[in-house]
Amino acid sequence: MVGFSGFTASGSPKAVPAALAQRARDERAAGREFKFKLLSGASCGKADEDLGAAEALSWRAPFQSAKSLRNAINAGKVAFMDMHLSDVAQKLEFGFLGEMDLAVVEATDITPDGRVYLTSGVGITPSILRVAKRVVIEINEAVSKRLYEMHDIARLLPPPHRSPIAILDPLDRIGTPFAVVDPKKVVGVLRTNQPDGNEPFSPPDAISTQIAGHVEAFLVAEMKAGRIPPQFLPLQAGVGNVSNAVMTALGQSQNIPAFSMYTEVLQDAQIALMRSGRLLGASTCSLTLSDAVMQEVYSDMDFFAPRIVLRPQELSNNPGVVRRLGVIAINTVLEMDLTGCANSTHVMGTQLMNGVGGSGDFTRNAYLSILMAPSTAKGGSISTVVPMTPHVDHNEHSIQILVTEQGLADLRGLGPTERAETIISKCAHPMYRDALRAYTRSCAPAHLRQNLETAFAWHLNLARTGKMLPT
């Protein structure tokens, strides 16, 4: 098993993954197999793509977003363990995932006594440094050496000795600006000079802008009703164009005060909001920024360093801290059903996209949990509101708010029958509403009304004809 530092492409090693991919290609050409298990904080950007294409992996956890690796997983060639990101470090350190043979960690520096100063993403790096038998350090000269000013590295002691986590504000710091490693385990140090290579997100489109408008209006109404305090609450936003659009809209809203974030990734839109004074500060696990915006941060560390805290993911995604701070969680999903459950990971219930990531950590524990999706996909051939999702990542016990460009369904306090009609009328596209209501009428009376003979008929139609509803 090999462990990589970082979280997304940010802070992930650059040189060693490329060398491992080449080694796998060379060995396969010589008729020999070369495969290993890979554990990281989240996805690894180009490293995942290269290793997937080289057929170098036998097992992967806890998240990925590479086409080549996704194809190998769905073909049954790579075992994939989908995990809530807040759990990964603890499962590794307690031995649930087996022994780790090698850790590859990107850093700005390492000292003779074992202080490792990390780069733009933390992930599970402190844990892999602790448990790995051998360690390789990549010193990346393309990043700012002042990144240590953002880092807050703390270790959670194992139960029953775990103390309360003293984070009472998103910018509270409880650790050190460096991780640690036993110097005797370090078997190599090499130098690189490569940016993370994160791609910028597309500008908000019409559908994303409509979704953002519904979320903004809902939060403003919650403030007026006294359910959100006047100083507002910390926000969390997932990765992607829709989340980026929502954050931009909230930052530009005249009716929402300047706010802070307690999240797992910080994206380009948030840096612009921070610069304008609308985002007061952010706790995160990763600076998932495009290379151009990252250079902007590096060029003005006097401004950004006091306003950004980079933490390990067992802290950035910690359920107790999320609940204590009253975080408002905003994430995207693939589909939602009439019971209020949602699927964020598997197409047709079987084909993995990326993984659950940290969305479950926040959705299950947020003060308000908001899940979003366009109402249709593939030109209207697919409805993202379906009778029953064939895979569930977030169940009705955790989800409070569902949003599409059609509207916002507030499910708080509603029973199953009321939930179904609210989701149909507020979130479903008009072309699918009659069919959804016909489905509900076909269900026998029960607490949860489902027709097991037809619950997945839409998905079966899609598999057979390319469309959910017959024409």
Protein backbone atom coordinates (compact mmCIF):
# COMPACT_ATOMS: atom_id res chain seq x y z
CA MET A 1 0.00 0.00 0.00
CA VAL A 2 1.19 3.49 -0.93
CA GLY A 3 -0.12 6.72 0.60
CA PHE A 4 -0.12 10.07 -1.20
CA SER A 5 -0.27 13.49 0.40
CA GLY A 6 -2.65 16.26 -0.62
CA PHE A 7 -6.34 16.63 -1.34
CA THR A 8 -7.41 16.80 -5.00
CA ALA A 9 -4.40 17.74 -7.15
CA SER A 10 -3.50 20.28 -4.48
CA GLY A 11 -0.55 19.06 -2.43
CA SER A 12 -0.40 15.73 -4.27
CA PRO A 13 3.04 14.43 -5.24
CA LYS A 14 4.09 14.98 -8.85
CA ALA A 15 7.29 13.10 -9.73
CA VAL A 16 6.93 9.76 -7.94
CA PRO A 17 3.42 8.98 -9.30
CA ALA A 18 4.66 9.61 -12.84
CA ALA A 19 7.65 7.31 -12.22
CA LEU A 20 5.38 4.60 -10.78
CA ALA A 21 3.12 4.82 -13.83
CA GLN A 22 6.12 4.42 -16.13
CA ARG A 23 7.41 1.50 -14.05
CA ALA A 24 4.03 -0.22 -14.43
CA ARG A 25 4.11 0.24 -18.22
CA ASP A 26 7.68 -1.06 -18.43
CA GLU A 27 6.94 -4.10 -16.30
CA ARG A 28 3.81 -4.97 -18.26
CA ALA A 29 5.75 -4.67 -21.53
CA ALA A 30 8.22 -7.17 -20.09
CA GLY A 31 5.42 -9.56 -19.20
CA ARG A 32 5.48 -8.86 -15.46
CA GLU A 33 2.68 -7.45 -13.30
CA PHE A 34 3.27 -4.31 -11.25
CA LYS A 35 0.33 -3.14 -9.14
CA PHE A 36 -0.13 -1.50 -5.76
CA LYS A 37 -2.88 -0.19 -3.49
CA LEU A 38 -3.27 3.60 -3.27
CA LEU A 39 -4.72 5.59 -0.38
CA SER A 40 -4.91 9.38 -0.29
CA GLY A 41 -7.01 12.15 1.22
CA ALA A 42 -9.25 12.49 -1.83
CA SER A 43 -8.54 12.46 -5.57
CA CYS A 44 -4.99 13.07 -6.81
CA GLY A 45 -5.52 14.89 -10.11
CA LYS A 46 -3.09 13.85 -12.83
CA ALA A 47 -1.60 11.11 -10.67
CA ASP A 48 -4.90 9.19 -10.68
CA GLU A 49 -5.23 9.59 -14.44
CA ASP A 50 -1.67 8.41 -15.14
CA LEU A 51 -1.78 5.47 -12.75
CA GLY A 52 -5.21 4.40 -14.03
CA ALA A 53 -4.07 4.52 -17.65
CA ALA A 54 -0.91 2.56 -16.76
CA GLU A 55 -2.99 -0.16 -15.01
CA ALA A 56 -0.79 0.32 -11.96
CA LEU A 57 -3.47 0.09 -9.26
CA SER A 58 -5.15 -2.94 -7.72
CA TRP A 59 -7.11 -1.00 -5.05
CA ARG A 60 -8.03 2.62 -4.52
CA ALA A 61 -9.63 4.63 -1.71
CA PRO A 62 -11.34 6.89 -0.74
CA PHE A 63 -12.14 9.05 -3.80
CA GLN A 64 -11.09 9.59 -7.41
CA SER A 65 -12.10 11.73 -10.36
CA ALA A 66 -10.00 10.37 -13.26
CA LYS A 67 -11.60 8.93 -16.39
CA SER A 68 -9.06 6.14 -16.84
CA LEU A 69 -9.32 5.04 -13.23
CA ARG A 70 -13.12 5.31 -13.23
CA ASN A 71 -13.28 3.04 -16.28
CA ALA A 72 -10.99 0.49 -14.63
CA ILE A 73 -13.09 0.50 -11.45
CA ASN A 74 -16.34 0.05 -13.36
CA ALA A 75 -14.77 -2.75 -15.40
CA GLY A 76 -13.91 -4.59 -12.18
CA LYS A 77 -10.15 -4.23 -12.73
CA VAL A 78 -9.54 -2.04 -9.67
CA ALA A 79 -11.19 -2.54 -6.28
CA PHE A 80 -12.53 0.77 -5.00
CA MET A 81 -13.51 1.53 -1.40
CA ASP A 82 -15.82 4.54 -1.21
CA MET A 83 -15.45 6.25 2.19
CA HIS A 84 -16.60 9.29 4.10
CA LEU A 85 -13.48 11.45 4.15
CA SER A 86 -13.63 12.25 7.86
CA ASP A 87 -13.18 8.52 8.61
CA VAL A 88 -10.11 7.79 6.49
CA ALA A 89 -7.32 8.82 8.86
CA GLN A 90 -8.80 6.96 11.82
CA LYS A 91 -9.40 3.78 9.82
CA LEU A 92 -5.80 3.92 8.57
CA GLU A 93 -4.23 4.56 11.97
CA PHE A 94 -6.28 1.85 13.69
CA GLY A 95 -5.16 -0.70 11.09
CA PHE A 96 -8.56 -1.27 9.48
CA LEU A 97 -7.06 -0.78 6.00
CA GLY A 98 -3.87 -2.80 6.49
CA GLU A 99 -0.24 -1.70 6.75
CA MET A 100 1.15 1.15 4.66
CA ASP A 101 4.50 0.40 3.05
CA LEU A 102 5.33 3.79 1.56
CA ALA A 103 4.18 7.41 1.92
CA VAL A 104 4.94 9.98 -0.79
CA VAL A 105 4.52 13.51 0.51
CA GLU A 106 4.83 16.89 -1.19
CA ALA A 107 6.34 19.60 1.00
CA THR A 108 8.04 22.97 0.91
CA ASP A 109 10.71 21.78 3.34
CA ILE A 110 11.79 19.03 5.72
CA THR A 111 14.08 19.60 8.69
CA PRO A 112 16.65 17.17 10.13
CA ASP A 113 14.46 16.58 13.20
CA GLY A 114 11.47 15.54 11.05
CA ARG A 115 9.34 18.65 10.65
CA VAL A 116 7.53 18.48 7.30
CA TYR A 117 6.11 21.75 5.96
CA LEU A 118 3.25 20.90 3.62
CA THR A 119 2.01 22.61 0.47
CA SER A 120 -1.49 23.45 -0.81
CA GLY A 121 -3.46 20.43 0.43
CA VAL A 122 -3.32 18.44 3.67
CA GLY A 123 -5.67 15.46 3.41
CA ILE A 124 -4.46 12.54 5.54
CA THR A 125 -0.78 13.49 5.27
CA PRO A 126 -0.07 13.59 9.05
CA SER A 127 -1.45 10.06 9.35
CA ILE A 128 0.45 8.54 6.44
CA LEU A 129 3.67 10.08 7.77
CA ARG A 130 2.94 8.44 11.11
CA VAL A 131 2.10 4.90 9.95
CA ALA A 132 4.10 4.35 6.73
CA LYS A 133 7.18 2.14 6.98
CA ARG A 134 9.10 4.31 4.50
CA VAL A 135 8.67 7.90 3.37
CA VAL A 136 9.68 9.83 0.25
CA ILE A 137 9.48 13.63 0.33
CA GLU A 138 9.02 15.73 -2.80
CA ILE A 139 10.17 19.33 -2.24
CA ASN A 140 8.10 21.39 -4.69
CA GLU A 141 9.86 24.64 -5.53
CA ALA A 142 6.85 25.95 -7.50
CA VAL A 143 4.86 26.73 -4.36
CA SER A 144 5.20 29.49 -1.79
CA LYS A 145 7.38 28.66 1.18
CA ARG A 146 5.02 30.81 3.23
CA LEU A 147 2.20 28.26 2.98
CA TYR A 148 3.18 27.04 6.45
CA GLU A 149 1.55 30.22 7.78
CA MET A 150 -1.86 28.76 6.82
CA HIS A 151 -1.33 25.27 8.19
CA ASP A 152 -2.84 24.05 11.45
CA ILE A 153 -1.79 20.42 11.92
CA ALA A 154 -3.22 18.67 14.97
CA ARG A 155 -3.59 15.03 15.87
CA LEU A 156 -6.70 13.51 17.41
CA LEU A 157 -5.79 11.06 20.15
CA PRO A 158 -7.41 7.62 19.92
CA PRO A 159 -10.55 6.86 21.96
CA PRO A 160 -11.11 6.86 24.90
CA HIS A 161 -8.46 9.58 25.34
CA ARG A 162 -9.84 11.97 22.71
CA SER A 163 -10.44 15.44 24.11
CA PRO A 164 -13.02 17.90 22.81
CA ILE A 165 -11.75 19.70 19.69
CA ALA A 166 -11.18 23.33 20.65
CA ILE A 167 -12.40 24.86 17.41
CA LEU A 168 -15.08 27.41 18.29
CA ASP A 169 -14.60 29.61 15.23
CA PRO A 170 -13.56 28.65 11.68
CA LEU A 171 -10.24 30.47 12.07
CA ASP A 172 -9.28 28.99 15.45
CA ARG A 173 -5.91 27.23 15.42
CA ILE A 174 -5.15 24.29 17.68
CA GLY A 175 -1.99 22.71 16.22
CA THR A 176 1.35 23.44 14.60
CA PRO A 177 2.31 24.79 11.15
CA PHE A 178 4.02 21.50 10.25
CA ALA A 179 3.52 17.74 10.25
CA VAL A 180 6.09 15.39 11.76
CA VAL A 181 7.88 12.24 10.65
CA ASP A 182 10.50 9.99 12.16
CA PRO A 183 13.59 11.02 10.13
CA LYS A 184 14.78 7.40 10.13
CA LYS A 185 11.85 6.45 7.89
CA VAL A 186 12.72 8.97 5.18
CA VAL A 187 14.41 7.03 2.39
CA GLY A 188 14.49 9.77 -0.24
CA VAL A 189 14.10 13.48 -0.84
CA LEU A 190 13.74 14.89 -4.36
CA ARG A 191 12.97 18.28 -5.85
CA THR A 192 10.19 19.20 -8.26
CA ASN A 193 8.96 22.45 -9.74
CA GLN A 194 5.37 21.86 -10.87
CA PRO A 195 2.11 23.68 -10.09
CA ASP A 196 -0.89 21.64 -9.00
CA GLY A 197 -2.57 21.97 -12.40
CA ASN A 198 -6.16 22.44 -11.18
CA GLU A 199 -8.41 23.59 -14.02
CA PRO A 200 -10.55 26.72 -13.57
CA PHE A 201 -14.31 26.23 -13.41
CA SER A 202 -16.61 27.41 -16.15
CA PRO A 203 -18.56 30.67 -15.66
CA PRO A 204 -22.03 30.11 -14.14
CA ASP A 205 -24.58 29.03 -16.77
CA ALA A 206 -28.30 29.81 -16.73
CA ILE A 207 -29.29 26.69 -14.78
CA SER A 208 -26.57 27.14 -12.13
CA THR A 209 -27.60 30.78 -11.75
CA GLN A 210 -31.25 29.79 -11.23
CA ILE A 211 -30.26 27.21 -8.59
CA ALA A 212 -28.11 29.83 -6.87
CA GLY A 213 -31.05 32.25 -6.83
CA HIS A 214 -33.29 29.71 -5.07
CA VAL A 215 -30.63 29.00 -2.44
CA GLU A 216 -30.03 32.70 -1.84
CA ALA A 217 -33.75 33.43 -1.45
CA PHE A 218 -34.16 30.54 0.98
CA LEU A 219 -31.27 31.64 3.20
CA VAL A 220 -32.48 35.24 3.22
CA ALA A 221 -35.93 34.02 4.31
CA GLU A 222 -34.37 31.90 7.05
CA MET A 223 -32.55 34.98 8.36
CA LYS A 224 -35.76 37.03 8.36
CA ALA A 225 -37.53 34.22 10.23
CA GLY A 226 -34.79 34.25 12.89
CA ARG A 227 -33.59 30.73 12.13
CA ILE A 228 -30.19 32.03 11.00
CA PRO A 229 -28.56 34.62 13.29
CA PRO A 230 -27.87 38.14 12.00
CA GLN A 231 -24.12 37.45 11.80
CA PHE A 232 -24.95 34.44 9.62
CA LEU A 233 -23.43 30.92 9.93
CA PRO A 234 -20.35 29.32 8.37
CA LEU A 235 -20.86 27.85 4.91
CA GLN A 236 -19.54 24.68 3.30
CA ALA A 237 -19.62 24.20 -0.46
CA GLY A 238 -18.70 21.14 -2.51
CA VAL A 239 -16.60 21.07 -5.64
CA GLY A 240 -18.02 21.95 -9.05
CA ASN A 241 -19.58 24.58 -11.27
CA VAL A 242 -22.95 24.63 -9.50
CA SER A 243 -21.39 25.09 -6.06
CA ASN A 244 -19.09 27.76 -7.47
CA ALA A 245 -22.12 29.60 -8.89
CA VAL A 246 -23.98 29.42 -5.58
CA MET A 247 -21.04 30.80 -3.65
CA THR A 248 -20.67 33.64 -6.15
CA ALA A 249 -24.36 34.51 -5.81
CA LEU A 250 -24.27 34.44 -2.01
CA GLY A 251 -21.17 36.59 -2.01
CA GLN A 252 -22.82 39.17 -4.27
CA SER A 253 -26.14 39.21 -2.40
CA GLN A 254 -26.96 42.50 -0.70
CA ASN A 255 -29.20 40.66 1.75
CA ILE A 256 -26.62 38.27 3.18
CA PRO A 257 -23.89 39.61 5.46
CA ALA A 258 -20.21 38.86 5.01
CA PHE A 259 -19.64 35.27 6.10
CA SER A 260 -16.99 32.69 6.92
CA MET A 261 -16.53 29.13 5.68
CA TYR A 262 -15.79 25.80 7.34
CA THR A 263 -15.27 23.55 4.35
CA GLU A 264 -13.01 20.93 2.76
CA VAL A 265 -12.03 22.75 -0.45
CA LEU A 266 -11.51 26.40 -1.31
CA GLN A 267 -12.15 27.30 -4.95
CA ASP A 268 -11.48 30.27 -7.21
CA ALA A 269 -14.79 32.00 -6.46
CA GLN A 270 -14.04 32.08 -2.75
CA ILE A 271 -10.69 33.81 -3.30
CA ALA A 272 -12.46 36.60 -5.19
CA LEU A 273 -15.00 36.89 -2.37
CA MET A 274 -12.22 37.04 0.20
CA ARG A 275 -10.49 39.78 -1.73
CA SER A 276 -13.73 41.80 -1.86
CA GLY A 277 -14.34 41.42 1.87
CA ARG A 278 -17.47 39.27 1.48
CA LEU A 279 -15.69 36.12 2.70
CA LEU A 280 -14.16 36.95 6.07
CA GLY A 281 -12.09 33.80 6.43
CA ALA A 282 -12.08 30.10 5.66
CA SER A 283 -11.04 26.83 7.25
CA THR A 284 -10.32 24.19 4.61
CA CYS A 285 -8.32 21.09 3.81
CA SER A 286 -7.19 22.17 0.37
CA LEU A 287 -6.61 25.19 -1.83
CA THR A 288 -8.23 23.70 -4.92
CA LEU A 289 -7.43 26.74 -7.03
CA SER A 290 -6.55 27.18 -10.67
CA ASP A 291 -2.87 27.86 -11.22
CA ALA A 292 -3.49 31.53 -12.02
CA VAL A 293 -5.51 32.14 -8.85
CA MET A 294 -2.97 30.21 -6.79
CA GLN A 295 -0.28 32.58 -8.01
CA GLU A 296 -2.49 35.47 -6.91
CA VAL A 297 -2.59 33.98 -3.41
CA TYR A 298 1.18 33.42 -3.37
CA SER A 299 1.81 37.00 -4.42
CA ASP A 300 -0.17 38.41 -1.49
CA MET A 301 0.39 36.09 1.44
CA ASP A 302 0.28 39.03 3.85
CA PHE A 303 -3.42 39.32 2.99
CA PHE A 304 -4.42 35.67 2.58
CA ALA A 305 -2.38 33.85 5.24
CA PRO A 306 -4.31 35.26 8.24
CA ARG A 307 -7.63 34.52 6.54
CA ILE A 308 -7.12 30.86 5.54
CA VAL A 309 -6.53 27.83 7.77
CA LEU A 310 -5.42 24.53 6.19
CA ARG A 311 -6.25 21.46 8.31
CA PRO A 312 -6.14 17.65 8.05
CA GLN A 313 -9.45 16.29 6.78
CA GLU A 314 -10.32 14.57 10.04
CA LEU A 315 -10.62 18.14 11.38
CA SER A 316 -11.92 19.99 8.30
CA ASN A 317 -14.70 17.39 7.95
CA ASN A 318 -15.12 16.53 11.62
CA PRO A 319 -18.80 15.86 12.42
CA GLY A 320 -18.56 17.32 15.93
CA VAL A 321 -17.05 20.60 14.75
CA VAL A 322 -19.50 20.87 11.84
CA ARG A 323 -22.43 20.49 14.23
CA ARG A 324 -20.96 22.80 16.88
CA LEU A 325 -20.38 25.65 14.42
CA GLY A 326 -23.81 25.28 12.82
CA VAL A 327 -22.43 24.88 9.31
CA ILE A 328 -24.77 25.37 6.35
CA ALA A 329 -23.77 22.63 3.88
CA ILE A 330 -24.29 23.07 0.14
CA ASN A 331 -23.49 20.09 -2.11
CA THR A 332 -24.48 18.62 -5.47
CA VAL A 333 -25.95 15.21 -6.30
CA LEU A 334 -26.66 13.09 -9.38
CA GLU A 335 -30.30 12.37 -8.57
CA MET A 336 -32.93 12.58 -5.84
CA ASP A 337 -36.06 10.54 -5.23
CA LEU A 338 -39.55 11.06 -3.90
CA THR A 339 -38.71 9.84 -0.40
CA GLY A 340 -36.07 12.57 -0.07
CA CYS A 341 -33.04 10.32 -0.57
CA ALA A 342 -30.21 11.30 -2.91
CA ASN A 343 -27.47 9.61 -4.92
CA SER A 344 -24.21 11.44 -5.50
CA THR A 345 -21.92 8.62 -6.64
CA HIS A 346 -23.35 6.00 -9.03
CA VAL A 347 -24.96 6.29 -12.46
CA MET A 348 -27.81 3.76 -12.82
CA GLY A 349 -26.94 2.56 -9.34
CA THR A 350 -23.89 0.64 -10.56
CA GLN A 351 -21.39 2.83 -12.43
CA LEU A 352 -19.16 4.85 -10.12
CA MET A 353 -18.56 8.50 -10.94
CA ASN A 354 -16.14 9.82 -8.29
CA GLY A 355 -17.17 8.86 -4.76
CA VAL A 356 -19.12 10.24 -1.81
CA GLY A 357 -16.17 12.38 -0.73
CA GLY A 358 -16.91 14.72 2.15
CA SER A 359 -20.52 15.45 1.20
CA GLY A 360 -21.84 12.92 3.72
CA ASP A 361 -19.70 14.33 6.54
CA PHE A 362 -21.39 17.70 6.11
CA THR A 363 -24.88 16.62 5.03
CA ARG A 364 -25.34 14.35 8.04
CA ASN A 365 -24.19 16.96 10.57
CA ALA A 366 -25.00 20.39 9.15
CA TYR A 367 -27.38 22.89 10.73
CA LEU A 368 -28.95 23.09 7.28
CA SER A 369 -28.17 20.51 4.58
CA ILE A 370 -28.84 21.64 1.00
CA LEU A 371 -28.43 19.29 -1.97
CA MET A 372 -28.66 20.56 -5.55
CA ALA A 373 -28.88 19.29 -9.13
CA PRO A 374 -30.23 20.41 -12.50
CA SER A 375 -33.71 18.94 -12.93
CA THR A 376 -32.75 17.12 -16.16
CA ALA A 377 -29.69 15.83 -17.99
CA LYS A 378 -28.82 14.73 -21.52
CA GLY A 379 -31.12 17.24 -23.14
CA GLY A 380 -34.12 16.20 -21.05
CA SER A 381 -33.78 12.45 -21.61
CA ILE A 382 -32.93 11.99 -17.93
CA SER A 383 -34.84 13.33 -14.94
CA THR A 384 -32.75 13.87 -11.83
CA VAL A 385 -35.95 13.53 -9.80
CA VAL A 386 -36.89 9.83 -9.92
CA PRO A 387 -39.33 7.54 -8.10
CA MET A 388 -36.52 5.72 -6.27
CA THR A 389 -32.75 6.10 -6.55
CA PRO A 390 -31.06 2.74 -7.25
CA HIS A 391 -28.19 3.86 -5.00
CA VAL A 392 -28.47 6.00 -1.85
CA ASP A 393 -25.64 8.09 -0.43
CA HIS A 394 -27.72 10.57 1.58
CA ASN A 395 -30.95 9.37 3.12
CA GLU A 396 -34.10 11.21 4.12
CA HIS A 397 -32.94 11.40 7.74
CA SER A 398 -30.11 13.76 6.78
CA ILE A 399 -31.51 15.79 3.89
CA GLN A 400 -33.49 18.94 4.63
CA ILE A 401 -33.45 20.95 1.41
CA LEU A 402 -33.46 19.82 -2.24
CA VAL A 403 -32.97 22.32 -5.05
CA THR A 404 -33.08 22.34 -8.85
CA GLU A 405 -33.45 25.24 -11.25
CA GLN A 406 -37.23 24.62 -11.01
CA GLY A 407 -37.38 25.51 -7.33
CA LEU A 408 -36.53 24.58 -3.74
CA ALA A 409 -38.18 21.85 -1.68
CA ASP A 410 -38.05 22.49 2.07
CA LEU A 411 -38.62 19.02 3.54
CA ARG A 412 -38.35 19.95 7.20
CA GLY A 413 -41.27 18.66 9.22
CA LEU A 414 -42.91 16.86 6.31
CA GLY A 415 -44.11 13.26 6.31
CA PRO A 416 -43.33 10.94 3.39
CA THR A 417 -46.46 11.74 1.35
CA GLU A 418 -46.00 15.49 1.76
CA ARG A 419 -42.30 15.17 0.92
CA ALA A 420 -43.08 13.39 -2.35
CA GLU A 421 -45.54 16.02 -3.57
CA THR A 422 -43.25 18.89 -2.48
CA ILE A 423 -40.33 17.41 -4.41
CA ILE A 424 -42.48 16.89 -7.51
CA SER A 425 -43.99 20.36 -7.49
CA LYS A 426 -40.83 22.26 -6.54
CA CYS A 427 -37.91 20.32 -8.06
CA ALA A 428 -39.07 18.10 -10.93
CA HIS A 429 -39.05 19.38 -14.49
CA PRO A 430 -42.60 20.01 -15.80
CA MET A 431 -42.21 17.30 -18.46
CA TYR A 432 -41.81 14.68 -15.72
CA ARG A 433 -44.32 15.83 -13.10
CA ASP A 434 -47.34 13.96 -14.45
CA ALA A 435 -45.37 10.72 -14.66
CA LEU A 436 -44.10 11.14 -11.11
CA ARG A 437 -47.59 11.75 -9.79
CA ALA A 438 -48.86 8.72 -11.73
CA TYR A 439 -46.17 6.68 -10.01
CA THR A 440 -47.24 7.85 -6.55
CA ARG A 441 -50.85 6.92 -7.34
CA SER A 442 -49.71 3.41 -8.28
CA CYS A 443 -48.25 2.83 -4.82
CA ALA A 444 -50.25 0.98 -2.18
CA PRO A 445 -50.89 2.80 1.12
CA ALA A 446 -47.87 2.52 3.41
CA HIS A 447 -45.60 4.70 5.48
CA LEU A 448 -43.16 4.87 2.57
CA ARG A 449 -45.13 4.49 -0.62
CA GLN A 450 -43.16 2.61 -3.24
CA ASN A 451 -44.23 0.31 -6.05
CA LEU A 452 -41.49 -2.30 -6.11
CA GLU A 453 -42.61 -3.55 -9.52
CA THR A 454 -42.07 -0.19 -11.21
CA ALA A 455 -39.74 1.79 -8.89
CA PHE A 456 -36.81 1.41 -11.29
CA ALA A 457 -38.79 1.36 -14.55
CA TRP A 458 -37.38 4.75 -15.53
CA HIS A 459 -33.81 3.54 -15.14
CA LEU A 460 -34.61 0.38 -17.10
CA ASN A 461 -36.13 2.49 -19.88
CA LEU A 462 -32.97 4.61 -19.92
CA ALA A 463 -30.76 1.54 -20.24
CA ARG A 464 -32.87 0.13 -23.08
CA THR A 465 -33.81 3.24 -25.05
CA GLY A 466 -31.60 6.10 -23.86
CA LYS A 467 -34.61 7.90 -22.38
CA MET A 468 -36.33 7.58 -19.00
CA LEU A 469 -39.87 7.97 -20.35
CA PRO A 470 -41.24 6.23 -23.44
CA THR A 471 -41.96 8.63 -26.31
